[in-house]
N, C-alpha and C. Protein backbone atom coordinates (compact mmCIF):
# COMPACT_ATOMS: atom_id res chain seq x y z
N UNK A 1 0.84 -1.19 0.00
CA UNK A 1 0.00 0.00 0.00
C UNK A 1 0.87 1.24 0.00
N UNK A 2 0.23 2.37 -0.01
CA UNK A 2 1.00 3.60 -0.06
C UNK A 2 1.61 3.90 1.30
N UNK A 3 2.60 4.77 1.27
CA UNK A 3 3.32 5.11 2.49
C UNK A 3 2.53 6.09 3.34
N UNK A 4 2.59 5.90 4.65
CA UNK A 4 1.89 6.83 5.53
C UNK A 4 2.79 7.99 5.94
N UNK A 5 4.11 7.80 5.88
CA UNK A 5 5.07 8.85 6.21
C UNK A 5 6.10 8.94 5.09
N UNK A 6 5.84 9.80 4.10
CA UNK A 6 6.68 9.81 2.91
C UNK A 6 7.99 10.60 3.03
N UNK A 7 8.51 10.80 4.23
CA UNK A 7 9.72 11.58 4.40
C UNK A 7 10.94 10.65 4.39
N UNK A 8 12.02 11.00 3.73
CA UNK A 8 12.15 12.17 2.86
C UNK A 8 11.38 11.96 1.56
N UNK A 9 10.84 13.04 1.06
CA UNK A 9 10.00 12.95 -0.13
C UNK A 9 10.88 12.77 -1.36
N UNK A 10 10.53 11.83 -2.24
CA UNK A 10 11.37 11.60 -3.43
C UNK A 10 11.52 12.86 -4.28
N UNK A 11 12.65 12.96 -4.96
CA UNK A 11 12.90 14.12 -5.82
C UNK A 11 12.34 13.95 -7.21
N UNK A 12 12.08 12.71 -7.62
CA UNK A 12 11.43 12.43 -8.91
C UNK A 12 10.03 11.91 -8.61
N UNK A 13 9.03 12.49 -9.26
CA UNK A 13 7.65 12.11 -9.00
C UNK A 13 6.96 11.73 -10.31
N UNK A 14 6.49 10.49 -10.37
CA UNK A 14 5.69 10.02 -11.49
C UNK A 14 4.23 10.25 -11.15
N UNK A 15 3.51 10.92 -12.04
CA UNK A 15 2.12 11.28 -11.76
C UNK A 15 1.16 10.37 -12.50
N UNK A 16 0.23 9.77 -11.77
CA UNK A 16 -0.81 8.97 -12.38
C UNK A 16 -2.00 9.86 -12.71
N UNK A 17 -2.77 9.44 -13.70
CA UNK A 17 -3.96 10.20 -14.08
C UNK A 17 -4.91 10.37 -12.90
N UNK A 18 -5.04 9.33 -12.08
CA UNK A 18 -5.94 9.40 -10.92
C UNK A 18 -5.52 10.52 -9.96
N UNK A 19 -4.22 10.68 -9.79
CA UNK A 19 -3.70 11.74 -8.92
C UNK A 19 -4.06 13.11 -9.49
N UNK A 20 -3.82 13.30 -10.78
CA UNK A 20 -4.08 14.59 -11.41
C UNK A 20 -5.57 14.93 -11.41
N UNK A 21 -6.40 13.93 -11.60
CA UNK A 21 -7.85 14.15 -11.59
C UNK A 21 -8.31 14.58 -10.19
N UNK A 22 -7.81 13.89 -9.16
CA UNK A 22 -8.19 14.20 -7.78
C UNK A 22 -7.62 15.55 -7.34
N UNK A 23 -6.45 15.88 -7.82
CA UNK A 23 -5.76 17.12 -7.43
C UNK A 23 -6.58 18.37 -7.76
N UNK A 24 -7.32 18.33 -8.85
CA UNK A 24 -8.12 19.49 -9.24
C UNK A 24 -7.29 20.50 -10.02
N UNK A 25 -7.84 21.70 -10.15
CA UNK A 25 -7.19 22.73 -10.94
C UNK A 25 -6.73 23.90 -10.11
N UNK A 26 -6.34 24.98 -10.80
CA UNK A 26 -5.76 26.15 -10.14
C UNK A 26 -6.61 26.77 -9.03
N UNK A 27 -7.90 26.50 -9.02
CA UNK A 27 -8.76 27.04 -7.98
C UNK A 27 -8.78 26.22 -6.70
N UNK A 28 -8.15 25.06 -6.71
CA UNK A 28 -8.20 24.21 -5.52
C UNK A 28 -6.95 24.36 -4.66
N UNK A 29 -7.14 24.28 -3.35
CA UNK A 29 -6.01 24.37 -2.42
C UNK A 29 -4.99 23.25 -2.63
N UNK A 30 -5.43 21.99 -2.86
CA UNK A 30 -4.44 20.93 -3.09
C UNK A 30 -3.56 21.19 -4.31
N UNK A 31 -4.17 21.68 -5.37
CA UNK A 31 -3.41 21.99 -6.59
C UNK A 31 -2.36 23.07 -6.30
N UNK A 32 -2.78 24.13 -5.63
CA UNK A 32 -1.85 25.23 -5.35
C UNK A 32 -0.70 24.76 -4.45
N UNK A 33 -1.02 23.96 -3.43
CA UNK A 33 0.02 23.44 -2.54
C UNK A 33 0.99 22.54 -3.31
N UNK A 34 0.46 21.70 -4.16
CA UNK A 34 1.28 20.79 -4.95
C UNK A 34 2.26 21.56 -5.85
N UNK A 35 1.75 22.50 -6.61
CA UNK A 35 2.59 23.26 -7.53
C UNK A 35 3.62 24.07 -6.76
N UNK A 36 3.20 24.72 -5.67
CA UNK A 36 4.15 25.51 -4.88
C UNK A 36 5.26 24.62 -4.30
N UNK A 37 4.88 23.46 -3.76
CA UNK A 37 5.87 22.56 -3.19
C UNK A 37 6.86 22.09 -4.25
N UNK A 38 6.35 21.65 -5.36
CA UNK A 38 7.21 21.13 -6.43
C UNK A 38 8.20 22.19 -6.89
N UNK A 39 7.73 23.40 -7.06
CA UNK A 39 8.60 24.48 -7.56
C UNK A 39 9.58 24.96 -6.51
N UNK A 40 9.16 25.09 -5.26
CA UNK A 40 10.08 25.60 -4.23
C UNK A 40 11.07 24.54 -3.76
N UNK A 41 10.67 23.27 -3.79
CA UNK A 41 11.54 22.20 -3.31
C UNK A 41 12.35 21.53 -4.42
N UNK A 42 12.19 22.01 -5.65
CA UNK A 42 12.99 21.48 -6.75
C UNK A 42 12.68 20.04 -7.12
N UNK A 43 11.44 19.64 -7.03
CA UNK A 43 11.06 18.29 -7.43
C UNK A 43 10.86 18.25 -8.93
N UNK A 44 11.10 17.10 -9.53
CA UNK A 44 10.93 16.93 -10.96
C UNK A 44 9.77 15.98 -11.21
N UNK A 45 8.83 16.41 -12.04
CA UNK A 45 7.63 15.63 -12.34
C UNK A 45 7.80 14.91 -13.67
N UNK A 46 7.26 13.70 -13.74
CA UNK A 46 7.33 12.92 -14.97
C UNK A 46 5.94 12.40 -15.32
N UNK A 47 5.62 12.45 -16.61
CA UNK A 47 4.40 11.87 -17.13
C UNK A 47 4.80 10.72 -18.06
N UNK A 48 4.21 9.54 -17.85
CA UNK A 48 4.49 8.41 -18.73
C UNK A 48 3.65 8.54 -20.00
N UNK A 49 4.00 7.74 -20.99
CA UNK A 49 3.23 7.76 -22.24
C UNK A 49 1.78 7.36 -22.01
N UNK A 50 1.55 6.37 -21.14
CA UNK A 50 0.18 5.94 -20.86
C UNK A 50 -0.64 7.04 -20.20
N UNK A 51 -0.02 7.76 -19.27
CA UNK A 51 -0.72 8.87 -18.61
C UNK A 51 -1.01 9.98 -19.63
N UNK A 52 -0.05 10.27 -20.50
CA UNK A 52 -0.27 11.30 -21.53
C UNK A 52 -1.45 10.90 -22.42
N UNK A 53 -1.52 9.61 -22.77
CA UNK A 53 -2.62 9.12 -23.60
C UNK A 53 -3.95 9.30 -22.88
N UNK A 54 -4.00 8.93 -21.60
CA UNK A 54 -5.25 9.10 -20.84
C UNK A 54 -5.62 10.57 -20.69
N UNK A 55 -4.64 11.42 -20.42
CA UNK A 55 -4.92 12.85 -20.28
C UNK A 55 -5.46 13.43 -21.58
N UNK A 56 -4.91 12.99 -22.69
CA UNK A 56 -5.37 13.47 -24.00
C UNK A 56 -6.82 13.04 -24.23
N UNK A 57 -7.14 11.80 -23.87
CA UNK A 57 -8.51 11.31 -24.01
C UNK A 57 -9.48 12.06 -23.10
N UNK A 58 -9.01 12.49 -21.93
CA UNK A 58 -9.87 13.12 -20.94
C UNK A 58 -9.81 14.64 -20.98
N UNK A 59 -9.19 15.19 -22.03
CA UNK A 59 -9.11 16.64 -22.17
C UNK A 59 -10.52 17.23 -22.00
N UNK A 60 -10.63 18.23 -21.19
CA UNK A 60 -11.93 18.82 -20.91
C UNK A 60 -12.50 18.34 -19.58
N UNK A 61 -12.10 17.15 -19.13
CA UNK A 61 -12.55 16.63 -17.85
C UNK A 61 -11.56 16.95 -16.73
N UNK A 62 -10.33 17.21 -17.11
CA UNK A 62 -9.31 17.60 -16.15
C UNK A 62 -8.97 19.06 -16.46
N UNK A 63 -9.05 19.90 -15.45
CA UNK A 63 -9.00 21.34 -15.69
C UNK A 63 -7.63 21.89 -16.10
N UNK A 64 -6.56 21.14 -15.88
CA UNK A 64 -5.23 21.61 -16.24
C UNK A 64 -4.71 20.76 -17.39
N UNK A 65 -4.16 21.39 -18.40
CA UNK A 65 -3.57 20.65 -19.51
C UNK A 65 -2.13 20.31 -19.15
N UNK A 66 -1.95 19.17 -18.48
CA UNK A 66 -0.63 18.76 -18.00
C UNK A 66 0.32 18.44 -19.15
N UNK A 67 -0.21 17.96 -20.26
CA UNK A 67 0.64 17.65 -21.41
C UNK A 67 1.23 18.94 -21.97
N UNK A 68 0.41 19.98 -22.07
CA UNK A 68 0.91 21.28 -22.53
C UNK A 68 1.93 21.83 -21.54
N UNK A 69 1.65 21.68 -20.26
CA UNK A 69 2.60 22.14 -19.23
C UNK A 69 3.95 21.44 -19.40
N UNK A 70 3.92 20.16 -19.70
CA UNK A 70 5.17 19.41 -19.87
C UNK A 70 5.98 19.96 -21.06
N UNK A 71 5.27 20.46 -22.07
CA UNK A 71 5.95 21.04 -23.23
C UNK A 71 6.49 22.44 -22.96
N UNK A 72 5.93 23.13 -21.97
CA UNK A 72 6.27 24.54 -21.78
C UNK A 72 6.97 24.87 -20.46
N UNK A 73 7.16 23.89 -19.59
CA UNK A 73 7.84 24.15 -18.32
C UNK A 73 9.01 23.19 -18.16
N UNK A 74 9.96 23.57 -17.34
CA UNK A 74 11.13 22.73 -17.11
C UNK A 74 10.92 21.71 -16.01
N UNK A 75 9.90 21.87 -15.20
CA UNK A 75 9.73 20.99 -14.05
C UNK A 75 8.81 19.80 -14.31
N UNK A 76 8.32 19.64 -15.54
CA UNK A 76 7.56 18.46 -15.92
C UNK A 76 8.21 17.88 -17.17
N UNK A 77 8.48 16.58 -17.13
CA UNK A 77 9.14 15.91 -18.24
C UNK A 77 8.27 14.76 -18.74
N UNK A 78 8.20 14.63 -20.06
CA UNK A 78 7.53 13.48 -20.65
C UNK A 78 8.53 12.34 -20.68
N UNK A 79 8.22 11.25 -20.00
CA UNK A 79 9.13 10.10 -19.95
C UNK A 79 9.07 9.36 -21.28
N UNK A 80 10.16 8.75 -21.65
CA UNK A 80 10.20 7.97 -22.88
C UNK A 80 9.49 6.64 -22.73
N UNK A 81 9.52 5.87 -23.79
CA UNK A 81 8.90 4.54 -23.79
C UNK A 81 9.62 3.63 -22.79
N UNK A 82 8.89 2.69 -22.24
CA UNK A 82 9.49 1.73 -21.31
C UNK A 82 10.54 0.91 -22.06
N UNK A 83 11.70 0.82 -21.47
CA UNK A 83 12.77 -0.03 -21.99
C UNK A 83 12.76 -1.29 -21.12
N UNK A 84 12.15 -2.37 -21.59
CA UNK A 84 11.92 -3.54 -20.73
C UNK A 84 13.17 -4.18 -20.15
N UNK A 85 14.31 -4.04 -20.78
CA UNK A 85 15.52 -4.69 -20.31
C UNK A 85 16.28 -3.94 -19.24
N UNK A 86 15.88 -2.71 -18.92
CA UNK A 86 16.60 -1.91 -17.94
C UNK A 86 16.42 -2.49 -16.55
N UNK A 87 17.50 -2.54 -15.81
CA UNK A 87 17.45 -2.96 -14.41
C UNK A 87 18.50 -2.17 -13.65
N UNK A 88 18.34 -2.08 -12.34
CA UNK A 88 19.31 -1.42 -11.48
C UNK A 88 19.80 -2.46 -10.49
N UNK A 89 21.11 -2.62 -10.43
CA UNK A 89 21.76 -3.62 -9.56
C UNK A 89 21.10 -4.98 -9.74
N UNK A 90 20.61 -5.59 -8.66
CA UNK A 90 20.02 -6.92 -8.79
C UNK A 90 18.49 -6.88 -8.80
N UNK A 91 17.92 -5.71 -9.03
CA UNK A 91 16.46 -5.60 -9.10
C UNK A 91 15.92 -6.22 -10.37
N UNK A 92 14.64 -6.55 -10.38
CA UNK A 92 14.05 -7.11 -11.60
C UNK A 92 14.07 -6.08 -12.74
N UNK A 93 14.07 -6.58 -13.95
CA UNK A 93 14.05 -5.70 -15.13
C UNK A 93 12.73 -4.94 -15.20
N UNK A 94 12.77 -3.78 -15.85
CA UNK A 94 11.58 -2.93 -15.95
C UNK A 94 10.41 -3.69 -16.55
N UNK A 95 10.66 -4.49 -17.58
CA UNK A 95 9.60 -5.26 -18.21
C UNK A 95 8.99 -6.29 -17.27
N UNK A 96 9.83 -6.91 -16.43
CA UNK A 96 9.32 -7.88 -15.45
C UNK A 96 8.43 -7.19 -14.43
N UNK A 97 8.88 -6.03 -13.95
CA UNK A 97 8.09 -5.26 -12.98
C UNK A 97 6.73 -4.92 -13.60
N UNK A 98 6.76 -4.43 -14.82
CA UNK A 98 5.53 -4.04 -15.51
C UNK A 98 4.58 -5.23 -15.66
N UNK A 99 5.11 -6.37 -16.10
CA UNK A 99 4.26 -7.55 -16.30
C UNK A 99 3.67 -8.06 -14.99
N UNK A 100 4.48 -8.10 -13.95
CA UNK A 100 4.00 -8.60 -12.66
C UNK A 100 2.94 -7.68 -12.06
N UNK A 101 3.15 -6.36 -12.16
CA UNK A 101 2.15 -5.41 -11.67
C UNK A 101 0.85 -5.57 -12.47
N UNK A 102 0.99 -5.72 -13.78
CA UNK A 102 -0.19 -5.86 -14.63
C UNK A 102 -1.00 -7.11 -14.26
N UNK A 103 -0.30 -8.22 -14.02
CA UNK A 103 -0.99 -9.46 -13.63
C UNK A 103 -1.69 -9.30 -12.29
N UNK A 104 -1.02 -8.71 -11.32
CA UNK A 104 -1.63 -8.50 -9.99
C UNK A 104 -2.84 -7.58 -10.08
N UNK A 105 -2.69 -6.50 -10.84
CA UNK A 105 -3.78 -5.54 -10.97
C UNK A 105 -4.99 -6.18 -11.65
N UNK A 106 -4.74 -7.01 -12.66
CA UNK A 106 -5.85 -7.71 -13.33
C UNK A 106 -6.60 -8.59 -12.34
N UNK A 107 -5.85 -9.28 -11.46
CA UNK A 107 -6.51 -10.10 -10.42
C UNK A 107 -7.33 -9.24 -9.48
N UNK A 108 -6.75 -8.14 -9.01
CA UNK A 108 -7.47 -7.25 -8.09
C UNK A 108 -8.72 -6.66 -8.74
N UNK A 109 -8.61 -6.30 -10.01
CA UNK A 109 -9.73 -5.68 -10.74
C UNK A 109 -10.71 -6.72 -11.29
N UNK A 110 -10.33 -8.01 -11.19
CA UNK A 110 -11.11 -9.11 -11.74
C UNK A 110 -11.42 -8.86 -13.22
N UNK A 111 -10.34 -8.56 -13.95
CA UNK A 111 -10.44 -8.22 -15.36
C UNK A 111 -9.44 -9.06 -16.15
N UNK A 112 -9.79 -9.39 -17.36
CA UNK A 112 -8.87 -10.09 -18.24
C UNK A 112 -7.66 -9.18 -18.48
N UNK A 113 -6.44 -9.67 -18.23
CA UNK A 113 -5.25 -8.83 -18.41
C UNK A 113 -5.15 -8.21 -19.81
N UNK A 114 -5.67 -8.92 -20.83
CA UNK A 114 -5.61 -8.39 -22.20
C UNK A 114 -6.53 -7.20 -22.41
N UNK A 115 -7.51 -7.04 -21.53
CA UNK A 115 -8.45 -5.93 -21.64
C UNK A 115 -8.10 -4.75 -20.73
N UNK A 116 -7.13 -4.96 -19.85
CA UNK A 116 -6.74 -3.93 -18.89
C UNK A 116 -5.63 -3.06 -19.46
N UNK A 117 -5.81 -1.76 -19.38
CA UNK A 117 -4.77 -0.84 -19.85
C UNK A 117 -3.52 -1.02 -19.01
N UNK A 118 -2.37 -0.68 -19.59
CA UNK A 118 -1.09 -0.85 -18.89
C UNK A 118 -0.59 0.45 -18.27
N UNK A 119 -1.44 1.44 -18.18
CA UNK A 119 -1.02 2.73 -17.65
C UNK A 119 -0.45 2.61 -16.24
N UNK A 120 -1.15 1.93 -15.35
CA UNK A 120 -0.69 1.81 -13.96
C UNK A 120 0.55 0.93 -13.86
N UNK A 121 0.60 -0.14 -14.62
CA UNK A 121 1.76 -1.04 -14.55
C UNK A 121 3.00 -0.43 -15.19
N UNK A 122 2.80 0.55 -16.05
CA UNK A 122 3.92 1.26 -16.69
C UNK A 122 4.66 2.16 -15.68
N UNK A 123 3.96 2.65 -14.68
CA UNK A 123 4.55 3.60 -13.74
C UNK A 123 5.79 3.07 -13.03
N UNK A 124 5.74 1.90 -12.38
CA UNK A 124 6.96 1.42 -11.71
C UNK A 124 8.07 1.04 -12.69
N UNK A 125 7.70 0.62 -13.91
CA UNK A 125 8.71 0.30 -14.92
C UNK A 125 9.48 1.57 -15.30
N UNK A 126 8.78 2.68 -15.45
CA UNK A 126 9.44 3.95 -15.72
C UNK A 126 10.25 4.37 -14.49
N UNK A 127 9.76 4.04 -13.30
CA UNK A 127 10.53 4.31 -12.09
C UNK A 127 11.88 3.60 -12.12
N UNK A 128 11.90 2.36 -12.57
CA UNK A 128 13.16 1.62 -12.72
C UNK A 128 14.08 2.35 -13.68
N UNK A 129 13.52 2.80 -14.79
CA UNK A 129 14.33 3.52 -15.79
C UNK A 129 14.90 4.81 -15.21
N UNK A 130 14.10 5.54 -14.44
CA UNK A 130 14.58 6.79 -13.86
C UNK A 130 15.70 6.53 -12.85
N UNK A 131 15.57 5.48 -12.06
CA UNK A 131 16.63 5.14 -11.11
C UNK A 131 17.92 4.81 -11.84
N UNK A 132 17.79 4.18 -12.99
CA UNK A 132 18.97 3.76 -13.72
C UNK A 132 19.59 4.83 -14.60
N UNK A 133 18.84 5.89 -14.91
CA UNK A 133 19.35 6.86 -15.87
C UNK A 133 19.42 8.30 -15.36
N UNK A 134 19.05 8.52 -14.11
CA UNK A 134 19.10 9.87 -13.55
C UNK A 134 19.84 9.84 -12.22
N UNK A 135 20.02 10.99 -11.63
CA UNK A 135 20.69 11.06 -10.33
C UNK A 135 19.71 10.93 -9.15
N UNK A 136 18.44 10.68 -9.43
CA UNK A 136 17.44 10.55 -8.37
C UNK A 136 17.68 9.27 -7.57
N UNK A 137 17.67 9.39 -6.24
CA UNK A 137 17.83 8.24 -5.35
C UNK A 137 16.53 7.49 -5.14
N UNK A 138 15.42 8.19 -5.29
CA UNK A 138 14.10 7.59 -5.08
C UNK A 138 13.11 8.22 -6.05
N UNK A 139 12.14 7.41 -6.43
CA UNK A 139 11.08 7.85 -7.33
C UNK A 139 9.76 7.64 -6.61
N UNK A 140 8.94 8.68 -6.55
CA UNK A 140 7.61 8.56 -5.95
C UNK A 140 6.57 8.40 -7.05
N UNK A 141 5.64 7.49 -6.84
CA UNK A 141 4.51 7.34 -7.75
C UNK A 141 3.31 7.89 -7.01
N UNK A 142 2.78 9.01 -7.50
CA UNK A 142 1.65 9.67 -6.85
C UNK A 142 0.37 9.24 -7.54
N UNK A 143 -0.55 8.66 -6.76
CA UNK A 143 -1.78 8.16 -7.36
C UNK A 143 -2.94 8.16 -6.36
N UNK A 144 -4.12 7.91 -6.90
CA UNK A 144 -5.34 7.82 -6.10
C UNK A 144 -6.13 6.60 -6.59
N UNK A 145 -5.52 5.41 -6.44
CA UNK A 145 -6.09 4.18 -6.96
C UNK A 145 -5.61 3.03 -6.08
N UNK A 146 -6.46 2.60 -5.16
CA UNK A 146 -6.07 1.60 -4.16
C UNK A 146 -5.57 0.30 -4.78
N UNK A 147 -6.27 -0.21 -5.80
CA UNK A 147 -5.85 -1.47 -6.40
C UNK A 147 -4.48 -1.34 -7.06
N UNK A 148 -4.26 -0.26 -7.76
CA UNK A 148 -2.95 -0.05 -8.40
C UNK A 148 -1.86 0.12 -7.34
N UNK A 149 -2.17 0.84 -6.26
CA UNK A 149 -1.21 1.00 -5.17
C UNK A 149 -0.80 -0.37 -4.62
N UNK A 150 -1.79 -1.22 -4.37
CA UNK A 150 -1.52 -2.56 -3.84
C UNK A 150 -0.71 -3.40 -4.81
N UNK A 151 -1.06 -3.34 -6.09
CA UNK A 151 -0.37 -4.14 -7.09
C UNK A 151 1.10 -3.72 -7.20
N UNK A 152 1.34 -2.43 -7.26
CA UNK A 152 2.71 -1.92 -7.40
C UNK A 152 3.52 -2.24 -6.14
N UNK A 153 2.95 -1.93 -4.99
CA UNK A 153 3.67 -2.16 -3.73
C UNK A 153 4.01 -3.63 -3.54
N UNK A 154 3.10 -4.52 -3.92
CA UNK A 154 3.33 -5.94 -3.77
C UNK A 154 4.47 -6.46 -4.63
N UNK A 155 4.67 -5.85 -5.78
CA UNK A 155 5.76 -6.27 -6.67
C UNK A 155 7.09 -5.66 -6.23
N UNK A 156 7.07 -4.42 -5.79
CA UNK A 156 8.29 -3.72 -5.39
C UNK A 156 8.84 -4.25 -4.07
N UNK A 157 7.93 -4.66 -3.19
CA UNK A 157 8.30 -5.16 -1.86
C UNK A 157 9.34 -6.28 -1.96
N UNK A 158 10.31 -6.26 -1.06
CA UNK A 158 11.35 -7.28 -0.98
C UNK A 158 12.21 -7.38 -2.24
N UNK A 159 12.31 -6.29 -2.98
CA UNK A 159 13.22 -6.25 -4.12
C UNK A 159 14.18 -5.08 -3.90
N UNK A 160 15.15 -4.96 -4.77
CA UNK A 160 16.09 -3.84 -4.69
C UNK A 160 15.35 -2.50 -4.69
N UNK A 161 14.20 -2.45 -5.33
CA UNK A 161 13.47 -1.18 -5.50
C UNK A 161 12.65 -0.76 -4.29
N UNK A 162 12.50 -1.64 -3.30
CA UNK A 162 11.74 -1.27 -2.12
C UNK A 162 12.43 -0.07 -1.45
N UNK A 163 11.67 0.99 -1.20
CA UNK A 163 12.22 2.22 -0.63
C UNK A 163 12.77 3.16 -1.68
N UNK A 164 13.00 2.65 -2.87
CA UNK A 164 13.53 3.48 -3.96
C UNK A 164 12.42 3.88 -4.94
N UNK A 165 11.46 2.98 -5.14
CA UNK A 165 10.25 3.30 -5.88
C UNK A 165 9.13 3.24 -4.85
N UNK A 166 8.53 4.39 -4.61
CA UNK A 166 7.60 4.52 -3.48
C UNK A 166 6.23 5.00 -3.95
N UNK A 167 5.20 4.28 -3.56
CA UNK A 167 3.83 4.64 -3.92
C UNK A 167 3.27 5.53 -2.81
N UNK A 168 2.80 6.70 -3.21
CA UNK A 168 2.28 7.67 -2.24
C UNK A 168 0.90 8.13 -2.72
N UNK A 169 -0.11 7.96 -1.88
CA UNK A 169 -1.46 8.37 -2.30
C UNK A 169 -1.60 9.89 -2.26
N UNK A 170 -2.58 10.36 -2.98
CA UNK A 170 -2.77 11.80 -3.19
C UNK A 170 -2.86 12.57 -1.88
N UNK A 171 -3.64 12.10 -0.93
CA UNK A 171 -3.87 12.89 0.28
C UNK A 171 -2.67 12.87 1.22
N UNK A 172 -1.94 11.75 1.26
CA UNK A 172 -0.71 11.70 2.04
C UNK A 172 0.31 12.68 1.45
N UNK A 173 0.39 12.70 0.12
CA UNK A 173 1.33 13.61 -0.56
C UNK A 173 0.97 15.07 -0.28
N UNK A 174 -0.29 15.41 -0.45
CA UNK A 174 -0.71 16.81 -0.26
C UNK A 174 -0.53 17.23 1.20
N UNK A 175 -0.90 16.36 2.13
CA UNK A 175 -0.73 16.69 3.56
C UNK A 175 0.75 16.95 3.87
N UNK A 176 1.63 16.09 3.38
CA UNK A 176 3.07 16.25 3.59
C UNK A 176 3.55 17.59 2.99
N UNK A 177 3.13 17.87 1.78
CA UNK A 177 3.55 19.10 1.10
C UNK A 177 3.07 20.34 1.84
N UNK A 178 1.84 20.32 2.30
CA UNK A 178 1.31 21.46 3.04
C UNK A 178 2.08 21.67 4.35
N UNK A 179 2.42 20.59 5.03
CA UNK A 179 3.21 20.70 6.26
C UNK A 179 4.60 21.30 5.98
N UNK A 180 5.20 20.89 4.89
CA UNK A 180 6.54 21.39 4.55
C UNK A 180 6.51 22.87 4.18
N UNK A 181 5.40 23.30 3.58
CA UNK A 181 5.27 24.70 3.18
C UNK A 181 4.95 25.61 4.37
N UNK A 182 4.47 24.98 5.45
CA UNK A 182 4.18 25.75 6.65
C UNK A 182 2.86 26.36 6.55
């Protein structure tokens, strides 16, 4: 499950569509706290290809155009395609992480894996890639989806990535950020 005490907060943050939808827009206090925290604390945000696809499909339902922001700001980056063979030290390869999360999530959702989108399972795989290709010591996955949180945490647990790829739910993240901002 997600962490109850996310300190120290990861410097790289992967954003799930569920997180962005729950966060709201510029008129909401959570949105303002999130943006202020990210900018003042120097956090780097990443959007995966799956999240970009979902955001594009939901344009008009989410008040902020995060894809446009990624094109026009330095603090949001569009992550590249998952490289399934990437691994860090003795951790499982990105593709293995993605497949295992996808299988677990399909069981939790009681859905045929072939019919389930890979957006959520892509997040920890991109986390593996970020650990292997950037100077970030930890990657946070910010989301508001209990089943996906459980699936990701269950795969990451007891692997090299435990503590390095961290699932943090939306309200825990916002509460932590508001406390840090004072």
